[in-house]
Amino acid sequence: MLKSTKSTLYERLGGEQTIAAVINEFYNRMIQDDRVNHHFIGVNMEALRRHQITYFMSFALGGPKRYEGSTLRQSHAGLNITSEEYEIAIKHLNSSLRKFNVQLEDIARVEAFLRSVKPHIIYK
């Protein structure tokens, strides 16, 4: 298999258009899942999707936009997301990435990033 010449996850995933599609698929899965959809009651999903696309593109994936929003800890304060719910979210994101034919190596990188920030999100 040929190695990609693209240096950032942002580039390898296909840029803003693909990342937006993955994030939209992810949230579609999350709001359909009765184990976690209670976290989205009363949430402006359009704004959340736009925010996550910018966050993932700029911070997590090395894209061109600079992220200047709240910290993970601040944005998840009061949500009391459990470890089990976080694992469900990771599975939904992995499935969303697979749907858009993201390479397994890059899915593993995204998951590693998500696991590294887990302490800033759960039980907050």
PDB file of N, CA and C in Angstrom:
ATOM      1  N   MET A   1       0.844  -1.183   0.000  1.00  0.00           N
ATOM      2  CA  MET A   1       0.000   0.000   0.000  1.00  0.00           C
ATOM      3  C   MET A   1       0.888   1.244   0.000  1.00  0.00           C
ATOM      4  N   LEU A   2       0.515   2.216  -0.792  1.00  0.00           N
ATOM      5  CA  LEU A   2       1.280   3.453  -0.880  1.00  0.00           C
ATOM      6  C   LEU A   2       1.010   4.341   0.310  1.00  0.00           C
ATOM      7  N   LYS A   3       2.052   4.971   0.802  1.00  0.00           N
ATOM      8  CA  LYS A   3       1.912   5.948   1.885  1.00  0.00           C
ATOM      9  C   LYS A   3       1.421   7.255   1.295  1.00  0.00           C
ATOM     10  N   SER A   4       0.558   7.936   2.007  1.00  0.00           N
ATOM     11  CA  SER A   4       0.072   9.230   1.558  1.00  0.00           C
ATOM     12  C   SER A   4       1.175  10.273   1.690  1.00  0.00           C
ATOM     13  N   THR A   5       1.214  11.186   0.723  1.00  0.00           N
ATOM     14  CA  THR A   5       2.186  12.279   0.790  1.00  0.00           C
ATOM     15  C   THR A   5       1.607  13.460   1.559  1.00  0.00           C
ATOM     16  N   LYS A   6       0.362  13.360   1.969  1.00  0.00           N
ATOM     17  CA  LYS A   6      -0.276  14.441   2.716  1.00  0.00           C
ATOM     18  C   LYS A   6       0.136  14.341   4.174  1.00  0.00           C
ATOM     19  N   SER A   7       0.520  15.477   4.756  1.00  0.00           N
ATOM     20  CA  SER A   7       1.174  15.444   6.057  1.00  0.00           C
ATOM     21  C   SER A   7       0.234  15.520   7.253  1.00  0.00           C
ATOM     22  N   THR A   8      -0.924  16.138   7.114  1.00  0.00           N
ATOM     23  CA  THR A   8      -1.811  16.258   8.273  1.00  0.00           C
ATOM     24  C   THR A   8      -3.031  15.365   8.104  1.00  0.00           C
ATOM     25  N   LEU A   9      -3.616  15.008   9.222  1.00  0.00           N
ATOM     26  CA  LEU A   9      -4.864  14.252   9.170  1.00  0.00           C
ATOM     27  C   LEU A   9      -5.915  15.026   8.395  1.00  0.00           C
ATOM     28  N   TYR A  10      -5.947  16.325   8.574  1.00  0.00           N
ATOM     29  CA  TYR A  10      -6.890  17.183   7.854  1.00  0.00           C
ATOM     30  C   TYR A  10      -6.782  16.926   6.351  1.00  0.00           C
ATOM     31  N   GLU A  11      -5.570  16.913   5.823  1.00  0.00           N
ATOM     32  CA  GLU A  11      -5.366  16.682   4.392  1.00  0.00           C
ATOM     33  C   GLU A  11      -5.713  15.254   4.001  1.00  0.00           C
ATOM     34  N   ARG A  12      -5.269  14.286   4.803  1.00  0.00           N
ATOM     35  CA  ARG A  12      -5.518  12.876   4.470  1.00  0.00           C
ATOM     36  C   ARG A  12      -7.001  12.524   4.514  1.00  0.00           C
ATOM     37  N   LEU A  13      -7.753  13.189   5.407  1.00  0.00           N
ATOM     38  CA  LEU A  13      -9.182  12.898   5.496  1.00  0.00           C
ATOM     39  C   LEU A  13      -9.976  13.539   4.363  1.00  0.00           C
ATOM     40  N   GLY A  14      -9.364  14.452   3.647  1.00  0.00           N
ATOM     41  CA  GLY A  14     -10.047  15.050   2.507  1.00  0.00           C
ATOM     42  C   GLY A  14     -10.477  16.485   2.714  1.00  0.00           C
ATOM     43  N   GLY A  15      -9.973  17.118   3.765  1.00  0.00           N
ATOM     44  CA  GLY A  15     -10.276  18.526   3.982  1.00  0.00           C
ATOM     45  C   GLY A  15     -11.653  18.777   4.553  1.00  0.00           C
ATOM     46  N   GLU A  16     -12.060  20.030   4.458  1.00  0.00           N
ATOM     47  CA  GLU A  16     -13.276  20.494   5.126  1.00  0.00           C
ATOM     48  C   GLU A  16     -14.531  19.745   4.689  1.00  0.00           C
ATOM     49  N   GLN A  17     -14.665  19.476   3.415  1.00  0.00           N
ATOM     50  CA  GLN A  17     -15.889  18.843   2.926  1.00  0.00           C
ATOM     51  C   GLN A  17     -16.076  17.439   3.518  1.00  0.00           C
ATOM     52  N   THR A  18     -15.034  16.642   3.504  1.00  0.00           N
ATOM     53  CA  THR A  18     -15.137  15.289   4.060  1.00  0.00           C
ATOM     54  C   THR A  18     -15.317  15.331   5.566  1.00  0.00           C
ATOM     55  N   ILE A  19     -14.576  16.205   6.226  1.00  0.00           N
ATOM     56  CA  ILE A  19     -14.686  16.300   7.680  1.00  0.00           C
ATOM     57  C   ILE A  19     -16.098  16.723   8.077  1.00  0.00           C
ATOM     58  N   ALA A  20     -16.673  17.669   7.338  1.00  0.00           N
ATOM     59  CA  ALA A  20     -18.048  18.084   7.612  1.00  0.00           C
ATOM     60  C   ALA A  20     -19.006  16.909   7.443  1.00  0.00           C
ATOM     61  N   ALA A  21     -18.806  16.109   6.411  1.00  0.00           N
ATOM     62  CA  ALA A  21     -19.664  14.942   6.182  1.00  0.00           C
ATOM     63  C   ALA A  21     -19.526  13.933   7.315  1.00  0.00           C
ATOM     64  N   VAL A  22     -18.300  13.709   7.776  1.00  0.00           N
ATOM     65  CA  VAL A  22     -18.063  12.771   8.883  1.00  0.00           C
ATOM     66  C   VAL A  22     -18.732  13.275  10.155  1.00  0.00           C
ATOM     67  N   ILE A  23     -18.571  14.556  10.461  1.00  0.00           N
ATOM     68  CA  ILE A  23     -19.160  15.119  11.678  1.00  0.00           C
ATOM     69  C   ILE A  23     -20.686  15.056  11.607  1.00  0.00           C
ATOM     70  N   ASN A  24     -21.250  15.363  10.461  1.00  0.00           N
ATOM     71  CA  ASN A  24     -22.711  15.279  10.316  1.00  0.00           C
ATOM     72  C   ASN A  24     -23.201  13.845  10.500  1.00  0.00           C
ATOM     73  N   GLU A  25     -22.495  12.895   9.934  1.00  0.00           N
ATOM     74  CA  GLU A  25     -22.839  11.480  10.103  1.00  0.00           C
ATOM     75  C   GLU A  25     -22.730  11.082  11.576  1.00  0.00           C
ATOM     76  N   PHE A  26     -21.660  11.523  12.235  1.00  0.00           N
ATOM     77  CA  PHE A  26     -21.452  11.232  13.647  1.00  0.00           C
ATOM     78  C   PHE A  26     -22.633  11.723  14.488  1.00  0.00           C
ATOM     79  N   TYR A  27     -23.035  12.983  14.292  1.00  0.00           N
ATOM     80  CA  TYR A  27     -24.144  13.505  15.094  1.00  0.00           C
ATOM     81  C   TYR A  27     -25.466  12.850  14.732  1.00  0.00           C
ATOM     82  N   ASN A  28     -25.651  12.467  13.486  1.00  0.00           N
ATOM     83  CA  ASN A  28     -26.855  11.717  13.132  1.00  0.00           C
ATOM     84  C   ASN A  28     -26.915  10.417  13.926  1.00  0.00           C
ATOM     85  N   ARG A  29     -25.795   9.745  14.034  1.00  0.00           N
ATOM     86  CA  ARG A  29     -25.732   8.491  14.800  1.00  0.00           C
ATOM     87  C   ARG A  29     -25.970   8.743  16.297  1.00  0.00           C
ATOM     88  N   MET A  30     -25.367   9.810  16.815  1.00  0.00           N
ATOM     89  CA  MET A  30     -25.499  10.117  18.245  1.00  0.00           C
ATOM     90  C   MET A  30     -26.949  10.448  18.621  1.00  0.00           C
ATOM     91  N   ILE A  31     -27.636  11.239  17.805  1.00  0.00           N
ATOM     92  CA  ILE A  31     -29.004  11.630  18.171  1.00  0.00           C
ATOM     93  C   ILE A  31     -30.002  10.497  17.942  1.00  0.00           C
ATOM     94  N   GLN A  32     -29.597   9.473  17.193  1.00  0.00           N
ATOM     95  CA  GLN A  32     -30.460   8.301  17.016  1.00  0.00           C
ATOM     96  C   GLN A  32     -30.215   7.230  18.074  1.00  0.00           C
ATOM     97  N   ASP A  33     -29.194   7.401  18.884  1.00  0.00           N
ATOM     98  CA  ASP A  33     -28.803   6.404  19.885  1.00  0.00           C
ATOM     99  C   ASP A  33     -29.409   6.783  21.239  1.00  0.00           C
ATOM    100  N   ASP A  34     -30.359   5.990  21.690  1.00  0.00           N
ATOM    101  CA  ASP A  34     -31.061   6.283  22.946  1.00  0.00           C
ATOM    102  C   ASP A  34     -30.151   6.242  24.173  1.00  0.00           C
ATOM    103  N   ARG A  35     -28.966   5.680  24.042  1.00  0.00           N
ATOM    104  CA  ARG A  35     -28.039   5.639  25.176  1.00  0.00           C
ATOM    105  C   ARG A  35     -27.370   6.991  25.409  1.00  0.00           C
ATOM    106  N   VAL A  36     -27.321   7.840  24.390  1.00  0.00           N
ATOM    107  CA  VAL A  36     -26.599   9.110  24.511  1.00  0.00           C
ATOM    108  C   VAL A  36     -27.383  10.331  24.032  1.00  0.00           C
ATOM    109  N   ASN A  37     -28.507  10.132  23.357  1.00  0.00           N
ATOM    110  CA  ASN A  37     -29.179  11.283  22.747  1.00  0.00           C
ATOM    111  C   ASN A  37     -29.774  12.263  23.753  1.00  0.00           C
ATOM    112  N   HIS A  38     -29.891  11.868  25.014  1.00  0.00           N
ATOM    113  CA  HIS A  38     -30.391  12.803  26.026  1.00  0.00           C
ATOM    114  C   HIS A  38     -29.453  14.002  26.199  1.00  0.00           C
ATOM    115  N   HIS A  39     -28.205  13.863  25.807  1.00  0.00           N
ATOM    116  CA  HIS A  39     -27.259  14.976  25.906  1.00  0.00           C
ATOM    117  C   HIS A  39     -27.541  16.076  24.876  1.00  0.00           C
ATOM    118  N   PHE A  40     -28.399  15.789  23.907  1.00  0.00           N
ATOM    119  CA  PHE A  40     -28.635  16.745  22.824  1.00  0.00           C
ATOM    120  C   PHE A  40     -30.020  17.377  22.870  1.00  0.00           C
ATOM    121  N   ILE A  41     -30.797  17.078  23.902  1.00  0.00           N
ATOM    122  CA  ILE A  41     -32.120  17.685  24.050  1.00  0.00           C
ATOM    123  C   ILE A  41     -31.950  19.175  24.274  1.00  0.00           C
ATOM    124  N   GLY A  42     -32.610  19.957  23.455  1.00  0.00           N
ATOM    125  CA  GLY A  42     -32.552  21.409  23.583  1.00  0.00           C
ATOM    126  C   GLY A  42     -31.272  22.048  23.057  1.00  0.00           C
ATOM    127  N   VAL A  43     -30.424  21.270  22.411  1.00  0.00           N
ATOM    128  CA  VAL A  43     -29.161  21.781  21.875  1.00  0.00           C
ATOM    129  C   VAL A  43     -29.372  22.233  20.431  1.00  0.00           C
ATOM    130  N   ASN A  44     -28.796  23.368  20.072  1.00  0.00           N
ATOM    131  CA  ASN A  44     -28.818  23.841  18.697  1.00  0.00           C
ATOM    132  C   ASN A  44     -27.834  22.965  17.910  1.00  0.00           C
ATOM    133  N   MET A  45     -28.353  21.946  17.253  1.00  0.00           N
ATOM    134  CA  MET A  45     -27.491  20.969  16.589  1.00  0.00           C
ATOM    135  C   MET A  45     -26.726  21.571  15.418  1.00  0.00           C
ATOM    136  N   GLU A  46     -27.334  22.517  14.721  1.00  0.00           N
ATOM    137  CA  GLU A  46     -26.638  23.153  13.598  1.00  0.00           C
ATOM    138  C   GLU A  46     -25.388  23.881  14.104  1.00  0.00           C
ATOM    139  N   ALA A  47     -25.543  24.626  15.187  1.00  0.00           N
ATOM    140  CA  ALA A  47     -24.400  25.341  15.767  1.00  0.00           C
ATOM    141  C   ALA A  47     -23.360  24.360  16.300  1.00  0.00           C
ATOM    142  N   LEU A  48     -23.817  23.285  16.941  1.00  0.00           N
ATOM    143  CA  LEU A  48     -22.892  22.280  17.475  1.00  0.00           C
ATOM    144  C   LEU A  48     -22.106  21.622  16.350  1.00  0.00           C
ATOM    145  N   ARG A  49     -22.794  21.267  15.273  1.00  0.00           N
ATOM    146  CA  ARG A  49     -22.108  20.649  14.129  1.00  0.00           C
ATOM    147  C   ARG A  49     -21.062  21.599  13.555  1.00  0.00           C
ATOM    148  N   ARG A  50     -21.425  22.859  13.351  1.00  0.00           N
ATOM    149  CA  ARG A  50     -20.477  23.846  12.801  1.00  0.00           C
ATOM    150  C   ARG A  50     -19.272  23.990  13.727  1.00  0.00           C
ATOM    151  N   HIS A  51     -19.533  24.059  15.027  1.00  0.00           N
ATOM    152  CA  HIS A  51     -18.461  24.199  16.013  1.00  0.00           C
ATOM    153  C   HIS A  51     -17.514  22.998  15.951  1.00  0.00           C
ATOM    154  N   GLN A  52     -18.067  21.798  15.916  1.00  0.00           N
ATOM    155  CA  GLN A  52     -17.239  20.594  15.911  1.00  0.00           C
ATOM    156  C   GLN A  52     -16.433  20.481  14.627  1.00  0.00           C
ATOM    157  N   ILE A  53     -17.018  20.886  13.511  1.00  0.00           N
ATOM    158  CA  ILE A  53     -16.282  20.850  12.247  1.00  0.00           C
ATOM    159  C   ILE A  53     -15.061  21.761  12.355  1.00  0.00           C
ATOM    160  N   THR A  54     -15.253  22.971  12.875  1.00  0.00           N
ATOM    161  CA  THR A  54     -14.134  23.899  13.051  1.00  0.00           C
ATOM    162  C   THR A  54     -13.136  23.346  14.048  1.00  0.00           C
ATOM    163  N   TYR A  55     -13.627  22.808  15.179  1.00  0.00           N
ATOM    164  CA  TYR A  55     -12.743  22.272  16.205  1.00  0.00           C
ATOM    165  C   TYR A  55     -11.905  21.129  15.648  1.00  0.00           C
ATOM    166  N   PHE A  56     -12.577  20.165  15.017  1.00  0.00           N
ATOM    167  CA  PHE A  56     -11.844  19.016  14.500  1.00  0.00           C
ATOM    168  C   PHE A  56     -10.874  19.426  13.401  1.00  0.00           C
ATOM    169  N   MET A  57     -11.314  20.324  12.533  1.00  0.00           N
ATOM    170  CA  MET A  57     -10.427  20.720  11.444  1.00  0.00           C
ATOM    171  C   MET A  57      -9.202  21.460  11.941  1.00  0.00           C
ATOM    172  N   SER A  58      -9.386  22.315  12.921  1.00  0.00           N
ATOM    173  CA  SER A  58      -8.276  23.162  13.323  1.00  0.00           C
ATOM    174  C   SER A  58      -7.398  22.538  14.387  1.00  0.00           C
ATOM    175  N   PHE A  59      -7.973  21.980  15.414  1.00  0.00           N
ATOM    176  CA  PHE A  59      -7.200  21.518  16.565  1.00  0.00           C
ATOM    177  C   PHE A  59      -6.804  20.054  16.437  1.00  0.00           C
ATOM    178  N   ALA A  60      -7.784  19.216  16.251  1.00  0.00           N
ATOM    179  CA  ALA A  60      -7.521  17.777  16.289  1.00  0.00           C
ATOM    180  C   ALA A  60      -6.817  17.262  15.041  1.00  0.00           C
ATOM    181  N   LEU A  61      -7.078  17.875  13.893  1.00  0.00           N
ATOM    182  CA  LEU A  61      -6.591  17.304  12.648  1.00  0.00           C
ATOM    183  C   LEU A  61      -5.525  18.131  11.938  1.00  0.00           C
ATOM    184  N   GLY A  62      -5.167  19.259  12.497  1.00  0.00           N
ATOM    185  CA  GLY A  62      -4.102  20.052  11.898  1.00  0.00           C
ATOM    186  C   GLY A  62      -4.515  20.852  10.679  1.00  0.00           C
ATOM    187  N   GLY A  63      -5.764  21.274  10.636  1.00  0.00           N
ATOM    188  CA  GLY A  63      -6.248  22.053   9.500  1.00  0.00           C
ATOM    189  C   GLY A  63      -5.817  23.506   9.554  1.00  0.00           C
ATOM    190  N   PRO A  64      -6.239  24.269   8.548  1.00  0.00           N
ATOM    191  CA  PRO A  64      -5.754  25.646   8.403  1.00  0.00           C
ATOM    192  C   PRO A  64      -6.413  26.674   9.321  1.00  0.00           C
ATOM    193  N   LYS A  65      -7.556  26.369   9.875  1.00  0.00           N
ATOM    194  CA  LYS A  65      -8.255  27.355  10.707  1.00  0.00           C
ATOM    195  C   LYS A  65      -7.753  27.290  12.141  1.00  0.00           C
ATOM    196  N   ARG A  66      -7.724  28.440  12.788  1.00  0.00           N
ATOM    197  CA  ARG A  66      -7.295  28.512  14.180  1.00  0.00           C
ATOM    198  C   ARG A  66      -8.523  28.417  15.080  1.00  0.00           C
ATOM    199  N   TYR A  67      -8.486  27.523  16.052  1.00  0.00           N
ATOM    200  CA  TYR A  67      -9.603  27.352  16.988  1.00  0.00           C
ATOM    201  C   TYR A  67      -9.413  28.285  18.171  1.00  0.00           C
ATOM    202  N   GLU A  68     -10.445  29.079  18.446  1.00  0.00           N
ATOM    203  CA  GLU A  68     -10.365  30.033  19.555  1.00  0.00           C
ATOM    204  C   GLU A  68     -11.573  29.928  20.478  1.00  0.00           C
ATOM    205  N   GLY A  69     -12.207  28.769  20.513  1.00  0.00           N
ATOM    206  CA  GLY A  69     -13.387  28.590  21.343  1.00  0.00           C
ATOM    207  C   GLY A  69     -13.034  28.200  22.763  1.00  0.00           C
ATOM    208  N   SER A  70     -14.049  27.764  23.493  1.00  0.00           N
ATOM    209  CA  SER A  70     -13.849  27.359  24.884  1.00  0.00           C
ATOM    210  C   SER A  70     -13.050  26.060  24.944  1.00  0.00           C
ATOM    211  N   THR A  71     -12.482  25.797  26.119  1.00  0.00           N
ATOM    212  CA  THR A  71     -11.723  24.563  26.293  1.00  0.00           C
ATOM    213  C   THR A  71     -12.687  23.375  26.335  1.00  0.00           C
ATOM    214  N   LEU A  72     -12.136  22.189  26.168  1.00  0.00           N
ATOM    215  CA  LEU A  72     -12.957  20.980  26.255  1.00  0.00           C
ATOM    216  C   LEU A  72     -13.637  20.887  27.616  1.00  0.00           C
ATOM    217  N   ARG A  73     -12.895  21.183  28.652  1.00  0.00           N
ATOM    218  CA  ARG A  73     -13.429  21.121  30.012  1.00  0.00           C
ATOM    219  C   ARG A  73     -14.597  22.105  30.170  1.00  0.00           C
ATOM    220  N   GLN A  74     -14.428  23.321  29.654  1.00  0.00           N
ATOM    221  CA  GLN A  74     -15.485  24.327  29.752  1.00  0.00           C
ATOM    222  C   GLN A  74     -16.714  23.932  28.948  1.00  0.00           C
ATOM    223  N   SER A  75     -16.503  23.456  27.727  1.00  0.00           N
ATOM    224  CA  SER A  75     -17.645  23.163  26.856  1.00  0.00           C
ATOM    225  C   SER A  75     -18.419  21.916  27.282  1.00  0.00           C
ATOM    226  N   HIS A  76     -17.809  21.059  28.124  1.00  0.00           N
ATOM    227  CA  HIS A  76     -18.500  19.857  28.599  1.00  0.00           C
ATOM    228  C   HIS A  76     -18.925  19.966  30.061  1.00  0.00           C
ATOM    229  N   ALA A  77     -18.706  21.131  30.671  1.00  0.00           N
ATOM    230  CA  ALA A  77     -19.077  21.345  32.077  1.00  0.00           C
ATOM    231  C   ALA A  77     -20.577  21.145  32.260  1.00  0.00           C
ATOM    232  N   GLY A  78     -20.928  20.382  33.275  1.00  0.00           N
ATOM    233  CA  GLY A  78     -22.326  20.146  33.601  1.00  0.00           C
ATOM    234  C   GLY A  78     -22.986  19.041  32.804  1.00  0.00           C
ATOM    235  N   LEU A  79     -22.311  18.491  31.818  1.00  0.00           N
ATOM    236  CA  LEU A  79     -22.915  17.433  31.002  1.00  0.00           C
ATOM    237  C   LEU A  79     -22.827  16.064  31.667  1.00  0.00           C
ATOM    238  N   ASN A  80     -21.856  15.901  32.565  1.00  0.00           N
ATOM    239  CA  ASN A  80     -21.673  14.648  33.291  1.00  0.00           C
ATOM    240  C   ASN A  80     -21.665  13.438  32.358  1.00  0.00           C
ATOM    241  N   ILE A  81     -20.885  13.526  31.294  1.00  0.00           N
ATOM    242  CA  ILE A  81     -20.754  12.431  30.333  1.00  0.00           C
ATOM    243  C   ILE A  81     -19.992  11.304  31.015  1.00  0.00           C
ATOM    244  N   THR A  82     -20.559  10.108  30.951  1.00  0.00           N
ATOM    245  CA  THR A  82     -19.907   8.957  31.585  1.00  0.00           C
ATOM    246  C   THR A  82     -18.832   8.378  30.657  1.00  0.00           C
ATOM    247  N   SER A  83     -17.984   7.568  31.240  1.00  0.00           N
ATOM    248  CA  SER A  83     -16.967   6.879  30.452  1.00  0.00           C
ATOM    249  C   SER A  83     -17.631   5.990  29.396  1.00  0.00           C
ATOM    250  N   GLU A  84     -18.715   5.334  29.768  1.00  0.00           N
ATOM    251  CA  GLU A  84     -19.428   4.461  28.836  1.00  0.00           C
ATOM    252  C   GLU A  84     -20.001   5.264  27.672  1.00  0.00           C
ATOM    253  N   GLU A  85     -20.555   6.440  27.963  1.00  0.00           N
ATOM    254  CA  GLU A  85     -21.101   7.288  26.899  1.00  0.00           C
ATOM    255  C   GLU A  85     -19.988   7.784  25.980  1.00  0.00           C
ATOM    256  N   TYR A  86     -18.849   8.082  26.550  1.00  0.00           N
ATOM    257  CA  TYR A  86     -17.711   8.525  25.748  1.00  0.00           C
ATOM    258  C   TYR A  86     -17.271   7.419  24.799  1.00  0.00           C
ATOM    259  N   GLU A  87     -17.250   6.187  25.279  1.00  0.00           N
ATOM    260  CA  GLU A  87     -16.882   5.050  24.428  1.00  0.00           C
ATOM    261  C   GLU A  87     -17.893   4.860  23.300  1.00  0.00           C
ATOM    262  N   ILE A  88     -19.163   5.082  23.581  1.00  0.00           N
ATOM    263  CA  ILE A  88     -20.203   5.019  22.542  1.00  0.00           C
ATOM    264  C   ILE A  88     -19.914   6.078  21.476  1.00  0.00           C
ATOM    265  N   ALA A  89     -19.558   7.273  21.911  1.00  0.00           N
ATOM    266  CA  ALA A  89     -19.252   8.351  20.965  1.00  0.00           C
ATOM    267  C   ALA A  89     -18.053   7.981  20.093  1.00  0.00           C
ATOM    268  N   ILE A  90     -17.022   7.406  20.688  1.00  0.00           N
ATOM    269  CA  ILE A  90     -15.851   6.992  19.909  1.00  0.00           C
ATOM    270  C   ILE A  90     -16.260   5.961  18.860  1.00  0.00           C
ATOM    271  N   LYS A  91     -17.100   5.003  19.239  1.00  0.00           N
ATOM    272  CA  LYS A  91     -17.548   3.983  18.282  1.00  0.00           C
ATOM    273  C   LYS A  91     -18.337   4.609  17.144  1.00  0.00           C
ATOM    274  N   HIS A  92     -19.194   5.576  17.459  1.00  0.00           N
ATOM    275  CA  HIS A  92     -19.964   6.251  16.412  1.00  0.00           C
ATOM    276  C   HIS A  92     -19.049   7.054  15.491  1.00  0.00           C
ATOM    277  N   LEU A  93     -18.041   7.697  16.045  1.00  0.00           N
ATOM    278  CA  LEU A  93     -17.123   8.455  15.202  1.00  0.00           C
ATOM    279  C   LEU A  93     -16.304   7.510  14.324  1.00  0.00           C
ATOM    280  N   ASN A  94     -15.833   6.405  14.892  1.00  0.00           N
ATOM    281  CA  ASN A  94     -15.098   5.421  14.093  1.00  0.00           C
ATOM    282  C   ASN A  94     -15.952   4.909  12.939  1.00  0.00           C
ATOM    283  N   SER A  95     -17.218   4.609  13.214  1.00  0.00           N
ATOM    284  CA  SER A  95     -18.123   4.139  12.155  1.00  0.00           C
ATOM    285  C   SER A  95     -18.336   5.208  11.093  1.00  0.00           C
ATOM    286  N   SER A  96     -18.429   6.456  11.528  1.00  0.00           N
ATOM    287  CA  SER A  96     -18.603   7.563  10.589  1.00  0.00           C
ATOM    288  C   SER A  96     -17.366   7.723   9.706  1.00  0.00           C
ATOM    289  N   LEU A  97     -16.192   7.604  10.300  1.00  0.00           N
ATOM    290  CA  LEU A  97     -14.945   7.696   9.531  1.00  0.00           C
ATOM    291  C   LEU A  97     -14.849   6.546   8.526  1.00  0.00           C
ATOM    292  N   ARG A  98     -15.222   5.333   8.951  1.00  0.00           N
ATOM    293  CA  ARG A  98     -15.194   4.182   8.042  1.00  0.00           C
ATOM    294  C   ARG A  98     -16.152   4.375   6.877  1.00  0.00           C
ATOM    295  N   LYS A  99     -17.323   4.960   7.150  1.00  0.00           N
ATOM    296  CA  LYS A  99     -18.312   5.183   6.088  1.00  0.00           C
ATOM    297  C   LYS A  99     -17.730   6.029   4.964  1.00  0.00           C
ATOM    298  N   PHE A 100     -16.835   6.945   5.316  1.00  0.00           N
ATOM    299  CA  PHE A 100     -16.228   7.821   4.321  1.00  0.00           C
ATOM    300  C   PHE A 100     -14.825   7.341   3.908  1.00  0.00           C
ATOM    301  N   ASN A 101     -14.592   6.039   4.110  1.00  0.00           N
ATOM    302  CA  ASN A 101     -13.390   5.358   3.617  1.00  0.00           C
ATOM    303  C   ASN A 101     -12.077   5.941   4.123  1.00  0.00           C
ATOM    304  N   VAL A 102     -12.088   6.396   5.365  1.00  0.00           N
ATOM    305  CA  VAL A 102     -10.850   6.876   5.981  1.00  0.00           C
ATOM    306  C   VAL A 102      -9.980   5.660   6.291  1.00  0.00           C
ATOM    307  N   GLN A 103      -8.699   5.788   6.041  1.00  0.00           N
ATOM    308  CA  GLN A 103      -7.754   4.698   6.276  1.00  0.00           C
ATOM    309  C   GLN A 103      -7.752   4.308   7.755  1.00  0.00           C
ATOM    310  N   LEU A 104      -7.615   3.021   8.032  1.00  0.00           N
ATOM    311  CA  LEU A 104      -7.614   2.530   9.417  1.00  0.00           C
ATOM    312  C   LEU A 104      -6.533   3.203  10.255  1.00  0.00           C
ATOM    313  N   GLU A 105      -5.382   3.444   9.675  1.00  0.00           N
ATOM    314  CA  GLU A 105      -4.290   4.099  10.389  1.00  0.00           C
ATOM    315  C   GLU A 105      -4.716   5.499  10.864  1.00  0.00           C
ATOM    316  N   ASP A 106      -5.456   6.213  10.020  1.00  0.00           N
ATOM    317  CA  ASP A 106      -5.911   7.550  10.387  1.00  0.00           C
ATOM    318  C   ASP A 106      -7.074   7.496  11.381  1.00  0.00           C
ATOM    319  N   ILE A 107      -7.922   6.481  11.260  1.00  0.00           N
ATOM    320  CA  ILE A 107      -8.978   6.301  12.262  1.00  0.00           C
ATOM    321  C   ILE A 107      -8.334   6.068  13.627  1.00  0.00           C
ATOM    322  N   ALA A 108      -7.284   5.263  13.654  1.00  0.00           N
ATOM    323  CA  ALA A 108      -6.568   5.001  14.913  1.00  0.00           C
ATOM    324  C   ALA A 108      -5.963   6.283  15.481  1.00  0.00           C
ATOM    325  N   ARG A 109      -5.464   7.147  14.611  1.00  0.00           N
ATOM    326  CA  ARG A 109      -4.904   8.422  15.083  1.00  0.00           C
ATOM    327  C   ARG A 109      -5.985   9.309  15.696  1.00  0.00           C
ATOM    328  N   VAL A 110      -7.148   9.367  15.041  1.00  0.00           N
ATOM    329  CA  VAL A 110      -8.255  10.168  15.573  1.00  0.00           C
ATOM    330  C   VAL A 110      -8.685   9.604  16.920  1.00  0.00           C
ATOM    331  N   GLU A 111      -8.813   8.278  16.996  1.00  0.00           N
ATOM    332  CA  GLU A 111      -9.208   7.654  18.254  1.00  0.00           C
ATOM    333  C   GLU A 111      -8.176   7.904  19.348  1.00  0.00           C
ATOM    334  N   ALA A 112      -6.909   7.850  19.011  1.00  0.00           N
ATOM    335  CA  ALA A 112      -5.855   8.120  20.003  1.00  0.00           C
ATOM    336  C   ALA A 112      -5.980   9.544  20.530  1.00  0.00           C
ATOM    337  N   PHE A 113      -6.269  10.487  19.649  1.00  0.00           N
ATOM    338  CA  PHE A 113      -6.473  11.868  20.090  1.00  0.00           C
ATOM    339  C   PHE A 113      -7.662  11.936  21.046  1.00  0.00           C
ATOM    340  N   LEU A 114      -8.783  11.296  20.661  1.00  0.00           N
ATOM    341  CA  LEU A 114      -9.981  11.334  21.511  1.00  0.00           C
ATOM    342  C   LEU A 114      -9.715  10.717  22.874  1.00  0.00           C
ATOM    343  N   ARG A 115      -8.953   9.656  22.913  1.00  0.00           N
ATOM    344  CA  ARG A 115      -8.625   9.031  24.198  1.00  0.00           C
ATOM    345  C   ARG A 115      -7.722   9.937  25.034  1.00  0.00           C
ATOM    346  N   SER A 116      -6.868  10.716  24.372  1.00  0.00           N
ATOM    347  CA  SER A 116      -5.966  11.604  25.110  1.00  0.00           C
ATOM    348  C   SER A 116      -6.718  12.759  25.775  1.00  0.00           C
ATOM    349  N   VAL A 117      -7.859  13.146  25.232  1.00  0.00           N
ATOM    350  CA  VAL A 117      -8.618  14.269  25.806  1.00  0.00           C
ATOM    351  C   VAL A 117      -9.785  13.797  26.671  1.00  0.00           C
ATOM    352  N   LYS A 118      -9.981  12.508  26.775  1.00  0.00           N
ATOM    353  CA  LYS A 118     -11.095  11.955  27.554  1.00  0.00           C
ATOM    354  C   LYS A 118     -11.175  12.509  28.973  1.00  0.00           C
ATOM    355  N   PRO A 119     -10.054  12.636  29.695  1.00  0.00           N
ATOM    356  CA  PRO A 119     -10.138  13.174  31.075  1.00  0.00           C
ATOM    357  C   PRO A 119     -10.694  14.598  31.148  1.00  0.00           C
ATOM    358  N   HIS A 120     -10.635  15.325  30.055  1.00  0.00           N
ATOM    359  CA  HIS A 120     -11.145  16.702  30.037  1.00  0.00           C
ATOM    360  C   HIS A 120     -12.638  16.755  29.749  1.00  0.00           C
ATOM    361  N   ILE A 121     -13.231  15.609  29.415  1.00  0.00           N
ATOM    362  CA  ILE A 121     -14.628  15.582  28.976  1.00  0.00           C
ATOM    363  C   ILE A 121     -15.546  14.805  29.918  1.00  0.00           C
ATOM    364  N   ILE A 122     -15.101  13.647  30.390  1.00  0.00           N
ATOM    365  CA  ILE A 122     -16.017  12.831  31.185  1.00  0.00           C
ATOM    366  C   ILE A 122     -16.146  13.351  32.623  1.00  0.00           C
ATOM    367  N   TYR A 123     -17.323  13.121  33.154  1.00  0.00           N
ATOM    368  CA  TYR A 123     -17.676  13.484  34.539  1.00  0.00           C
ATOM    369  C   TYR A 123     -17.440  14.952  34.847  1.00  0.00           C
ATOM    370  N   LYS A 124     -17.652  15.815  33.864  1.00  0.00           N
ATOM    371  CA  LYS A 124     -17.488  17.262  34.059  1.00  0.00           C
ATOM    372  C   LYS A 124     -18.848  17.912  34.166  1.00  0.00           C
TER     373      LYS A 124
END
